Amino acid sequence: DEVFDDNWEALKEDQRYYYNCLMAPQSQHVES
């Protein structure tokens, strides 16, 4: 139900997992 990340610490695991799945293999492009 949360619209914003005001409780952002509770989202850290989900954000990290999302990064590991989708962004880590293309980290050079993420840096760009």
Full PDB file with SEQRES, HELIX, SHEET, SSBOND, CRYST1, ORIGX, SCALE, CONECT and MASTER records, all heavy atoms in Angstrom:
SEQRES   1 A   32  ASP GLU VAL PHE ASP ASP ASN TRP GLU ALA LEU LYS GLU          
SEQRES   2 A   32  ASP GLN ARG TYR TYR TYR ASN CYS LEU MET ALA PRO GLN          
SEQRES   3 A   32  SER GLN HIS VAL GLU SER                                      
HELIX    1 AA1 TRP A    8  LEU A   11  5                                   4    
HELIX    2 AA2 LYS A   12  TYR A   18  1                                   7    
HELIX    3 AA3 TYR A   19  MET A   23  3                                   5    
HELIX    4 AA4 ALA A   24  GLN A   26  5                                   3    
HELIX    5 AA5 SER A   27  GLU A   31  1                                   5    
CRYST1    1.000    1.000    1.000  90.00  90.00  90.00 P 1           1          
ORIGX1      1.000000  0.000000  0.000000        0.00000                         
ORIGX2      0.000000  1.000000  0.000000        0.00000                         
ORIGX3      0.000000  0.000000  1.000000        0.00000                         
SCALE1      1.000000  0.000000  0.000000        0.00000                         
SCALE2      0.000000  1.000000  0.000000        0.00000                         
SCALE3      0.000000  0.000000  1.000000        0.00000                         
ATOM      1  N   ASP A   1       0.814  -1.219   0.000  1.00  0.00           N  
ATOM      2  CA  ASP A   1       0.000   0.000   0.000  1.00  0.00           C  
ATOM      3  C   ASP A   1       0.844   1.265   0.000  1.00  0.00           C  
ATOM      4  O   ASP A   1       0.335   2.354  -0.254  1.00  0.00           O  
ATOM      5  CB  ASP A   1      -0.923   0.007   1.224  1.00  0.00           C  
ATOM      6  CG  ASP A   1      -1.951  -1.117   1.173  1.00  0.00           C  
ATOM      7  OD1 ASP A   1      -2.444  -1.411   0.072  1.00  0.00           O  
ATOM      8  OD2 ASP A   1      -2.243  -1.697   2.237  1.00  0.00           O  
ATOM      9  N   GLU A   2       2.140   1.126   0.285  1.00  0.00           N  
ATOM     10  CA  GLU A   2       3.010   2.292   0.355  1.00  0.00           C  
ATOM     11  C   GLU A   2       3.275   2.846  -1.044  1.00  0.00           C  
ATOM     12  O   GLU A   2       3.710   2.127  -1.931  1.00  0.00           O  
ATOM     13  CB  GLU A   2       4.343   1.938   1.023  1.00  0.00           C  
ATOM     14  CG  GLU A   2       4.230   1.455   2.463  1.00  0.00           C  
ATOM     15  CD  GLU A   2       3.777   0.018   2.580  1.00  0.00           C  
ATOM     16  OE1 GLU A   2       3.750  -0.678   1.538  1.00  0.00           O  
ATOM     17  OE2 GLU A   2       3.422  -0.405   3.693  1.00  0.00           O  
ATOM     18  N   VAL A   3       3.019   4.137  -1.210  1.00  0.00           N  
ATOM     19  CA  VAL A   3       3.255   4.795  -2.493  1.00  0.00           C  
ATOM     20  C   VAL A   3       4.711   5.218  -2.608  1.00  0.00           C  
ATOM     21  O   VAL A   3       5.335   5.088  -3.660  1.00  0.00           O  
ATOM     22  CB  VAL A   3       2.336   6.027  -2.644  1.00  0.00           C  
ATOM     23  CG1 VAL A   3       2.666   6.805  -3.921  1.00  0.00           C  
ATOM     24  CG2 VAL A   3       0.878   5.588  -2.633  1.00  0.00           C  
ATOM     25  N   PHE A   4       5.270   5.715  -1.491  1.00  0.00           N  
ATOM     26  CA  PHE A   4       6.643   6.202  -1.475  1.00  0.00           C  
ATOM     27  C   PHE A   4       7.524   5.285  -0.620  1.00  0.00           C  
ATOM     28  O   PHE A   4       7.027   4.443   0.125  1.00  0.00           O  
ATOM     29  CB  PHE A   4       6.688   7.632  -0.913  1.00  0.00           C  
ATOM     30  CG  PHE A   4       5.871   8.617  -1.699  1.00  0.00           C  
ATOM     31  CD1 PHE A   4       4.602   8.987  -1.262  1.00  0.00           C  
ATOM     32  CD2 PHE A   4       6.356   9.166  -2.877  1.00  0.00           C  
ATOM     33  CE1 PHE A   4       3.841   9.900  -1.981  1.00  0.00           C  
ATOM     34  CE2 PHE A   4       5.605  10.073  -3.600  1.00  0.00           C  
ATOM     35  CZ  PHE A   4       4.334  10.440  -3.159  1.00  0.00           C  
ATOM     36  N   ASP A   5       8.810   5.491  -0.717  1.00  0.00           N  
ATOM     37  CA  ASP A   5       9.779   4.677   0.019  1.00  0.00           C  
ATOM     38  C   ASP A   5      10.100   5.282   1.381  1.00  0.00           C  
ATOM     39  O   ASP A   5      11.250   5.196   1.835  1.00  0.00           O  
ATOM     40  CB  ASP A   5      11.068   4.533  -0.791  1.00  0.00           C  
ATOM     41  CG  ASP A   5      11.841   5.842  -0.874  1.00  0.00           C  
ATOM     42  OD1 ASP A   5      11.199   6.915  -0.825  1.00  0.00           O  
ATOM     43  OD2 ASP A   5      13.083   5.789  -0.975  1.00  0.00           O  
ATOM     44  N   ASP A   6       9.122   5.889   2.038  1.00  0.00           N  
ATOM     45  CA  ASP A   6       9.390   6.554   3.315  1.00  0.00           C  
ATOM     46  C   ASP A   6       9.944   5.571   4.349  1.00  0.00           C  
ATOM     47  O   ASP A   6      10.740   5.946   5.209  1.00  0.00           O  
ATOM     48  CB  ASP A   6       8.129   7.232   3.841  1.00  0.00           C  
ATOM     49  CG  ASP A   6       7.684   8.374   2.933  1.00  0.00           C  
ATOM     50  OD1 ASP A   6       8.532   8.877   2.154  1.00  0.00           O  
ATOM     51  OD2 ASP A   6       6.502   8.750   2.966  1.00  0.00           O  
ATOM     52  N   ASN A   7       9.553   4.333   4.271  1.00  0.00           N  
ATOM     53  CA  ASN A   7      10.148   3.282   5.112  1.00  0.00           C  
ATOM     54  C   ASN A   7      11.218   2.570   4.278  1.00  0.00           C  
ATOM     55  O   ASN A   7      11.188   1.365   4.063  1.00  0.00           O  
ATOM     56  CB  ASN A   7       9.067   2.300   5.565  1.00  0.00           C  
ATOM     57  CG  ASN A   7       9.579   1.308   6.594  1.00  0.00           C  
ATOM     58  OD1 ASN A   7      10.598   1.526   7.245  1.00  0.00           O  
ATOM     59  ND2 ASN A   7       8.879   0.190   6.729  1.00  0.00           N  
ATOM     60  N   TRP A   8      12.195   3.353   3.826  1.00  0.00           N  
ATOM     61  CA  TRP A   8      13.124   2.868   2.796  1.00  0.00           C  
ATOM     62  C   TRP A   8      14.031   1.741   3.274  1.00  0.00           C  
ATOM     63  O   TRP A   8      14.445   0.885   2.490  1.00  0.00           O  
ATOM     64  CB  TRP A   8      13.966   4.030   2.253  1.00  0.00           C  
ATOM     65  CG  TRP A   8      14.863   4.694   3.252  1.00  0.00           C  
ATOM     66  CD1 TRP A   8      14.545   5.704   4.095  1.00  0.00           C  
ATOM     67  CD2 TRP A   8      16.230   4.391   3.495  1.00  0.00           C  
ATOM     68  NE1 TRP A   8      15.624   6.059   4.858  1.00  0.00           N  
ATOM     69  CE2 TRP A   8      16.688   5.267   4.499  1.00  0.00           C  
ATOM     70  CE3 TRP A   8      17.133   3.477   2.963  1.00  0.00           C  
ATOM     71  CZ2 TRP A   8      17.993   5.251   4.992  1.00  0.00           C  
ATOM     72  CZ3 TRP A   8      18.439   3.452   3.444  1.00  0.00           C  
ATOM     73  CH2 TRP A   8      18.855   4.322   4.440  1.00  0.00           C  
ATOM     74  N   GLU A   9      14.318   1.708   4.564  1.00  0.00           N  
ATOM     75  CA  GLU A   9      15.202   0.643   5.045  1.00  0.00           C  
ATOM     76  C   GLU A   9      14.558  -0.735   4.880  1.00  0.00           C  
ATOM     77  O   GLU A   9      15.249  -1.729   4.655  1.00  0.00           O  
ATOM     78  CB  GLU A   9      15.560   0.885   6.519  1.00  0.00           C  
ATOM     79  CG  GLU A   9      16.402   2.122   6.722  1.00  0.00           C  
ATOM     80  CD  GLU A   9      17.589   1.857   7.645  1.00  0.00           C  
ATOM     81  OE1 GLU A   9      17.779   0.699   8.037  1.00  0.00           O  
ATOM     82  OE2 GLU A   9      18.309   2.816   7.948  1.00  0.00           O  
ATOM     83  N   ALA A  10      13.224  -0.790   4.959  1.00  0.00           N  
ATOM     84  CA  ALA A  10      12.523  -2.057   4.795  1.00  0.00           C  
ATOM     85  C   ALA A  10      12.543  -2.541   3.348  1.00  0.00           C  
ATOM     86  O   ALA A  10      12.237  -3.698   3.071  1.00  0.00           O  
ATOM     87  CB  ALA A  10      11.084  -1.926   5.273  1.00  0.00           C  
ATOM     88  N   LEU A  11      12.904  -1.653   2.420  1.00  0.00           N  
ATOM     89  CA  LEU A  11      12.925  -2.005   0.992  1.00  0.00           C  
ATOM     90  C   LEU A  11      14.291  -2.440   0.507  1.00  0.00           C  
ATOM     91  O   LEU A  11      14.431  -2.882  -0.634  1.00  0.00           O  
ATOM     92  CB  LEU A  11      12.472  -0.795   0.155  1.00  0.00           C  
ATOM     93  CG  LEU A  11      11.043  -0.315   0.344  1.00  0.00           C  
ATOM     94  CD1 LEU A  11      10.851   1.015  -0.363  1.00  0.00           C  
ATOM     95  CD2 LEU A  11      10.060  -1.350  -0.189  1.00  0.00           C  
ATOM     96  N   LYS A  12      15.309  -2.301   1.354  1.00  0.00           N  
ATOM     97  CA  LYS A  12      16.682  -2.508   0.895  1.00  0.00           C  
ATOM     98  C   LYS A  12      16.920  -3.898   0.325  1.00  0.00           C  
ATOM     99  O   LYS A  12      17.607  -4.057  -0.685  1.00  0.00           O  
ATOM    100  CB  LYS A  12      17.655  -2.213   2.037  1.00  0.00           C  
ATOM    101  CG  LYS A  12      17.738  -0.727   2.379  1.00  0.00           C  
ATOM    102  CD  LYS A  12      18.412  -0.467   3.710  1.00  0.00           C  
ATOM    103  CE  LYS A  12      19.879  -0.802   3.700  1.00  0.00           C  
ATOM    104  NZ  LYS A  12      20.521  -0.408   4.983  1.00  0.00           N  
ATOM    105  N   GLU A  13      16.357  -4.923   0.957  1.00  0.00           N  
ATOM    106  CA  GLU A  13      16.564  -6.295   0.463  1.00  0.00           C  
ATOM    107  C   GLU A  13      15.942  -6.482  -0.916  1.00  0.00           C  
ATOM    108  O   GLU A  13      16.536  -7.110  -1.798  1.00  0.00           O  
ATOM    109  CB  GLU A  13      15.977  -7.309   1.444  1.00  0.00           C  
ATOM    110  CG  GLU A  13      16.735  -7.421   2.749  1.00  0.00           C  
ATOM    111  CD  GLU A  13      18.147  -7.954   2.564  1.00  0.00           C  
ATOM    112  OE1 GLU A  13      18.439  -8.538   1.505  1.00  0.00           O  
ATOM    113  OE2 GLU A  13      18.967  -7.760   3.479  1.00  0.00           O  
ATOM    114  N   ASP A  14      14.743  -5.934  -1.097  1.00  0.00           N  
ATOM    115  CA  ASP A  14      14.074  -6.075  -2.383  1.00  0.00           C  
ATOM    116  C   ASP A  14      14.816  -5.298  -3.469  1.00  0.00           C  
ATOM    117  O   ASP A  14      14.947  -5.778  -4.600  1.00  0.00           O  
ATOM    118  CB  ASP A  14      12.630  -5.580  -2.283  1.00  0.00           C  
ATOM    119  CG  ASP A  14      11.810  -6.424  -1.338  1.00  0.00           C  
ATOM    120  OD1 ASP A  14      11.435  -7.541  -1.728  1.00  0.00           O  
ATOM    121  OD2 ASP A  14      11.556  -5.979  -0.214  1.00  0.00           O  
ATOM    122  N   GLN A  15      15.318  -4.127  -3.132  1.00  0.00           N  
ATOM    123  CA  GLN A  15      16.060  -3.337  -4.105  1.00  0.00           C  
ATOM    124  C   GLN A  15      17.385  -4.000  -4.469  1.00  0.00           C  
ATOM    125  O   GLN A  15      17.797  -3.994  -5.635  1.00  0.00           O  
ATOM    126  CB  GLN A  15      16.290  -1.923  -3.560  1.00  0.00           C  
ATOM    127  CG  GLN A  15      15.019  -1.103  -3.465  1.00  0.00           C  
ATOM    128  CD  GLN A  15      15.185   0.172  -2.665  1.00  0.00           C  
ATOM    129  OE1 GLN A  15      16.052   0.282  -1.801  1.00  0.00           O  
ATOM    130  NE2 GLN A  15      14.341   1.164  -2.936  1.00  0.00           N  
ATOM    131  N   ARG A  16      18.039  -4.598  -3.477  1.00  0.00           N  
ATOM    132  CA  ARG A  16      19.307  -5.282  -3.747  1.00  0.00           C  
ATOM    133  C   ARG A  16      19.074  -6.534  -4.591  1.00  0.00           C  
ATOM    134  O   ARG A  16      19.833  -6.820  -5.522  1.00  0.00           O  
ATOM    135  CB  ARG A  16      19.993  -5.652  -2.428  1.00  0.00           C  
ATOM    136  CG  ARG A  16      21.314  -6.423  -2.605  1.00  0.00           C  
ATOM    137  CD  ARG A  16      22.364  -5.590  -3.317  1.00  0.00           C  
ATOM    138  NE  ARG A  16      23.597  -6.317  -3.535  1.00  0.00           N  
ATOM    139  CZ  ARG A  16      24.593  -6.398  -2.658  1.00  0.00           C  
ATOM    140  NH1 ARG A  16      24.489  -5.811  -1.474  1.00  0.00           N  
ATOM    141  NH2 ARG A  16      25.679  -7.067  -2.943  1.00  0.00           N  
ATOM    142  N   TYR A  17      18.038  -7.281  -4.276  1.00  0.00           N  
ATOM    143  CA  TYR A  17      17.748  -8.482  -5.054  1.00  0.00           C  
ATOM    144  C   TYR A  17      17.433  -8.109  -6.511  1.00  0.00           C  
ATOM    145  O   TYR A  17      17.883  -8.759  -7.453  1.00  0.00           O  
ATOM    146  CB  TYR A  17      16.578  -9.245  -4.439  1.00  0.00           C  
ATOM    147  CG  TYR A  17      16.269 -10.547  -5.149  1.00  0.00           C  
ATOM    148  CD1 TYR A  17      17.057 -11.674  -4.937  1.00  0.00           C  
ATOM    149  CD2 TYR A  17      15.213 -10.642  -6.051  1.00  0.00           C  
ATOM    150  CE1 TYR A  17      16.795 -12.864  -5.594  1.00  0.00           C  
ATOM    151  CE2 TYR A  17      14.949 -11.825  -6.710  1.00  0.00           C  
ATOM    152  CZ  TYR A  17      15.735 -12.935  -6.479  1.00  0.00           C  
ATOM    153  OH  TYR A  17      15.489 -14.103  -7.147  1.00  0.00           O  
ATOM    154  N   TYR A  18      16.651  -7.069  -6.687  1.00  0.00           N  
ATOM    155  CA  TYR A  18      16.311  -6.570  -8.029  1.00  0.00           C  
ATOM    156  C   TYR A  18      17.581  -6.180  -8.781  1.00  0.00           C  
ATOM    157  O   TYR A  18      17.758  -6.516  -9.948  1.00  0.00           O  
ATOM    158  CB  TYR A  18      15.379  -5.373  -7.865  1.00  0.00           C  
ATOM    159  CG  TYR A  18      14.909  -4.727  -9.146  1.00  0.00           C  
ATOM    160  CD1 TYR A  18      13.707  -5.104  -9.741  1.00  0.00           C  
ATOM    161  CD2 TYR A  18      15.633  -3.700  -9.746  1.00  0.00           C  
ATOM    162  CE1 TYR A  18      13.248  -4.478 -10.899  1.00  0.00           C  
ATOM    163  CE2 TYR A  18      15.191  -3.076 -10.901  1.00  0.00           C  
ATOM    164  CZ  TYR A  18      14.002  -3.474 -11.476  1.00  0.00           C  
ATOM    165  OH  TYR A  18      13.555  -2.861 -12.626  1.00  0.00           O  
ATOM    166  N   TYR A  19      18.480  -5.480  -8.096  1.00  0.00           N  
ATOM    167  CA  TYR A  19      19.749  -5.096  -8.722  1.00  0.00           C  
ATOM    168  C   TYR A  19      20.553  -6.336  -9.122  1.00  0.00           C  
ATOM    169  O   TYR A  19      21.075  -6.431 -10.239  1.00  0.00           O  
ATOM    170  CB  TYR A  19      20.580  -4.220  -7.780  1.00  0.00           C  
ATOM    171  CG  TYR A  19      21.938  -3.894  -8.348  1.00  0.00           C  
ATOM    172  CD1 TYR A  19      22.146  -2.740  -9.100  1.00  0.00           C  
ATOM    173  CD2 TYR A  19      23.022  -4.759  -8.171  1.00  0.00           C  
ATOM    174  CE1 TYR A  19      23.377  -2.465  -9.656  1.00  0.00           C  
ATOM    175  CE2 TYR A  19      24.261  -4.487  -8.724  1.00  0.00           C  
ATOM    176  CZ  TYR A  19      24.439  -3.339  -9.478  1.00  0.00           C  
ATOM    177  OH  TYR A  19      25.668  -3.084 -10.045  1.00  0.00           O  
ATOM    178  N   ASN A  20      20.691  -7.287  -8.193  1.00  0.00           N  
ATOM    179  CA  ASN A  20      21.485  -8.485  -8.475  1.00  0.00           C  
ATOM    180  C   ASN A  20      20.945  -9.251  -9.673  1.00  0.00           C  
ATOM    181  O   ASN A  20      21.706  -9.780 -10.489  1.00  0.00           O  
ATOM    182  CB  ASN A  20      21.524  -9.396  -7.254  1.00  0.00           C  
ATOM    183  CG  ASN A  20      22.417  -8.846  -6.154  1.00  0.00           C  
ATOM    184  OD1 ASN A  20      23.212  -7.942  -6.377  1.00  0.00           O  
ATOM    185  ND2 ASN A  20      22.288  -9.395  -4.956  1.00  0.00           N  
ATOM    186  N   CYS A  21      19.621  -9.322  -9.793  1.00  0.00           N  
ATOM    187  CA  CYS A  21      19.009 -10.069 -10.889  1.00  0.00           C  
ATOM    188  C   CYS A  21      19.149  -9.353 -12.225  1.00  0.00           C  
ATOM    189  O   CYS A  21      19.453  -9.982 -13.243  1.00  0.00           O  
ATOM    190  CB  CYS A  21      17.522 -10.304 -10.602  1.00  0.00           C  
ATOM    191  SG  CYS A  21      17.191 -11.523  -9.325  1.00  0.00           S  
ATOM    192  N   LEU A  22      18.925  -8.052 -12.233  1.00  0.00           N  
ATOM    193  CA  LEU A  22      18.777  -7.332 -13.502  1.00  0.00           C  
ATOM    194  C   LEU A  22      19.942  -6.420 -13.851  1.00  0.00           C  
ATOM    195  O   LEU A  22      20.250  -6.235 -15.033  1.00  0.00           O  
ATOM    196  CB  LEU A  22      17.495  -6.492 -13.464  1.00  0.00           C  
ATOM    197  CG  LEU A  22      16.190  -7.260 -13.303  1.00  0.00           C  
ATOM    198  CD1 LEU A  22      15.029  -6.295 -13.246  1.00  0.00           C  
ATOM    199  CD2 LEU A  22      16.002  -8.240 -14.444  1.00  0.00           C  
ATOM    200  N   MET A  23      20.574  -5.830 -12.845  1.00  0.00           N  
ATOM    201  CA  MET A  23      21.558  -4.789 -13.133  1.00  0.00           C  
ATOM    202  C   MET A  23      23.009  -5.247 -13.025  1.00  0.00           C  
ATOM    203  O   MET A  23      23.866  -4.756 -13.761  1.00  0.00           O  
ATOM    204  CB  MET A  23      21.345  -3.603 -12.177  1.00  0.00           C  
ATOM    205  CG  MET A  23      19.957  -2.987 -12.270  1.00  0.00           C  
ATOM    206  SD  MET A  23      19.618  -2.363 -13.941  1.00  0.00           S  
ATOM    207  CE  MET A  23      17.838  -2.188 -13.890  1.00  0.00           C  
ATOM    208  N   ALA A  24      23.302  -6.168 -12.129  1.00  0.00           N  
ATOM    209  CA  ALA A  24      24.692  -6.598 -11.941  1.00  0.00           C  
ATOM    210  C   ALA A  24      25.340  -7.106 -13.233  1.00  0.00           C  
ATOM    211  O   ALA A  24      26.496  -6.778 -13.508  1.00  0.00           O  
ATOM    212  CB  ALA A  24      24.770  -7.662 -10.844  1.00  0.00           C  
ATOM    213  N   PRO A  25      24.626  -7.889 -14.074  1.00  0.00           N  
ATOM    214  CA  PRO A  25      25.260  -8.369 -15.312  1.00  0.00           C  
ATOM    215  C   PRO A  25      25.525  -7.270 -16.331  1.00  0.00           C  
ATOM    216  O   PRO A  25      26.210  -7.511 -17.323  1.00  0.00           O  
ATOM    217  CB  PRO A  25      24.241  -9.377 -15.862  1.00  0.00           C  
ATOM    218  CG  PRO A  25      23.373  -9.732 -14.719  1.00  0.00           C  
ATOM    219  CD  PRO A  25      23.310  -8.507 -13.872  1.00  0.00           C  
ATOM    220  N   GLN A  26      24.973  -6.093 -16.114  1.00  0.00           N  
ATOM    221  CA  GLN A  26      25.202  -4.988 -17.037  1.00  0.00           C  
ATOM    222  C   GLN A  26      25.629  -3.742 -16.251  1.00  0.00           C  
ATOM    223  O   GLN A  26      25.195  -2.625 -16.505  1.00  0.00           O  
ATOM    224  CB  GLN A  26      23.943  -4.708 -17.864  1.00  0.00           C  
ATOM    225  CG  GLN A  26      22.650  -4.680 -17.086  1.00  0.00           C  
ATOM    226  CD  GLN A  26      21.434  -4.771 -17.984  1.00  0.00           C  
ATOM    227  OE1 GLN A  26      21.473  -5.260 -19.105  1.00  0.00           O  
ATOM    228  NE2 GLN A  26      20.322  -4.273 -17.496  1.00  0.00           N  
ATOM    229  N   SER A  27      26.517  -3.978 -15.280  1.00  0.00           N  
ATOM    230  CA  SER A  27      26.916  -2.917 -14.365  1.00  0.00           C  
ATOM    231  C   SER A  27      27.621  -1.768 -15.074  1.00  0.00           C  
ATOM    232  O   SER A  27      27.523  -0.614 -14.632  1.00  0.00           O  
ATOM    233  CB  SER A  27      27.816  -3.482 -13.261  1.00  0.00           C  
ATOM    234  OG  SER A  27      28.959  -4.115 -13.815  1.00  0.00           O  
ATOM    235  N   GLN A  28      28.332  -2.059 -16.164  1.00  0.00           N  
ATOM    236  CA  GLN A  28      28.990  -0.976 -16.902  1.00  0.00           C  
ATOM    237  C   GLN A  28      27.954   0.001 -17.456  1.00  0.00           C  
ATOM    238  O   GLN A  28      28.162   1.217 -17.447  1.00  0.00           O  
ATOM    239  CB  GLN A  28      29.815  -1.550 -18.060  1.00  0.00           C  
ATOM    240  CG  GLN A  28      31.034  -2.345 -17.610  1.00  0.00           C  
ATOM    241  CD  GLN A  28      31.745  -2.982 -18.781  1.00  0.00           C  
ATOM    242  OE1 GLN A  28      31.127  -3.576 -19.664  1.00  0.00           O  
ATOM    243  NE2 GLN A  28      33.061  -2.869 -18.803  1.00  0.00           N  
ATOM    244  N   HIS A  29      26.844  -0.522 -17.921  1.00  0.00           N  
ATOM    245  CA  HIS A  29      25.787   0.334 -18.453  1.00  0.00           C  
ATOM    246  C   HIS A  29      25.074   1.082 -17.333  1.00  0.00           C  
ATOM    247  O   HIS A  29      24.619   2.215 -17.529  1.00  0.00           O  
ATOM    248  CB  HIS A  29      24.795  -0.513 -19.263  1.00  0.00           C  
ATOM    249  CG  HIS A  29      25.419  -1.187 -20.443  1.00  0.00           C  
ATOM    250  ND1 HIS A  29      26.083  -2.379 -20.327  1.00  0.00           N  
ATOM    251  CD2 HIS A  29      25.494  -0.825 -21.757  1.00  0.00           C  
ATOM    252  CE1 HIS A  29      26.529  -2.741 -21.518  1.00  0.00           C  
ATOM    253  NE2 HIS A  29      26.205  -1.821 -22.391  1.00  0.00           N  
ATOM    254  N   VAL A  30      24.983   0.449 -16.153  1.00  0.00           N  
ATOM    255  CA  VAL A  30      24.405   1.142 -15.006  1.00  0.00           C  
ATOM    256  C   VAL A  30      25.271   2.338 -14.631  1.00  0.00           C  
ATOM    257  O   VAL A  30      24.765   3.437 -14.366  1.00  0.00           O  
ATOM    258  CB  VAL A  30      24.262   0.188 -13.802  1.00  0.00           C  
ATOM    259  CG1 VAL A  30      23.838   0.962 -12.547  1.00  0.00           C  
ATOM    260  CG2 VAL A  30      23.242  -0.908 -14.109  1.00  0.00           C  
ATOM    261  N   GLU A  31      26.578   2.151 -14.634  1.00  0.00           N  
ATOM    262  CA  GLU A  31      27.480   3.256 -14.315  1.00  0.00           C  
ATOM    263  C   GLU A  31      27.336   4.390 -15.320  1.00  0.00           C  
ATOM    264  O   GLU A  31      27.362   5.574 -14.955  1.00  0.00           O  
ATOM    265  CB  GLU A  31      28.919   2.749 -14.282  1.00  0.00           C  
ATOM    266  CG  GLU A  31      29.223   1.875 -13.071  1.00  0.00           C  
ATOM    267  CD  GLU A  31      30.666   1.444 -13.000  1.00  0.00           C  
ATOM    268  OE1 GLU A  31      31.235   1.094 -14.052  1.00  0.00           O  
ATOM    269  OE2 GLU A  31      31.233   1.448 -11.892  1.00  0.00           O  
ATOM    270  N   SER A  32      27.169   4.050 -16.584  1.00  0.00           N  
ATOM    271  CA  SER A  32      26.970   5.079 -17.610  1.00  0.00           C  
ATOM    272  C   SER A  32      25.670   5.843 -17.367  1.00  0.00           C  
ATOM    273  O   SER A  32      25.619   7.070 -17.519  1.00  0.00           O  
ATOM    274  CB  SER A  32      26.949   4.446 -19.009  1.00  0.00           C  
ATOM    275  OG  SER A  32      28.191   3.853 -19.312  1.00  0.00           O  
TER     276      SER A  32                                                      
MASTER        0    0    0    5    0    0    0    6  275    1    0    3          
END                                                                             
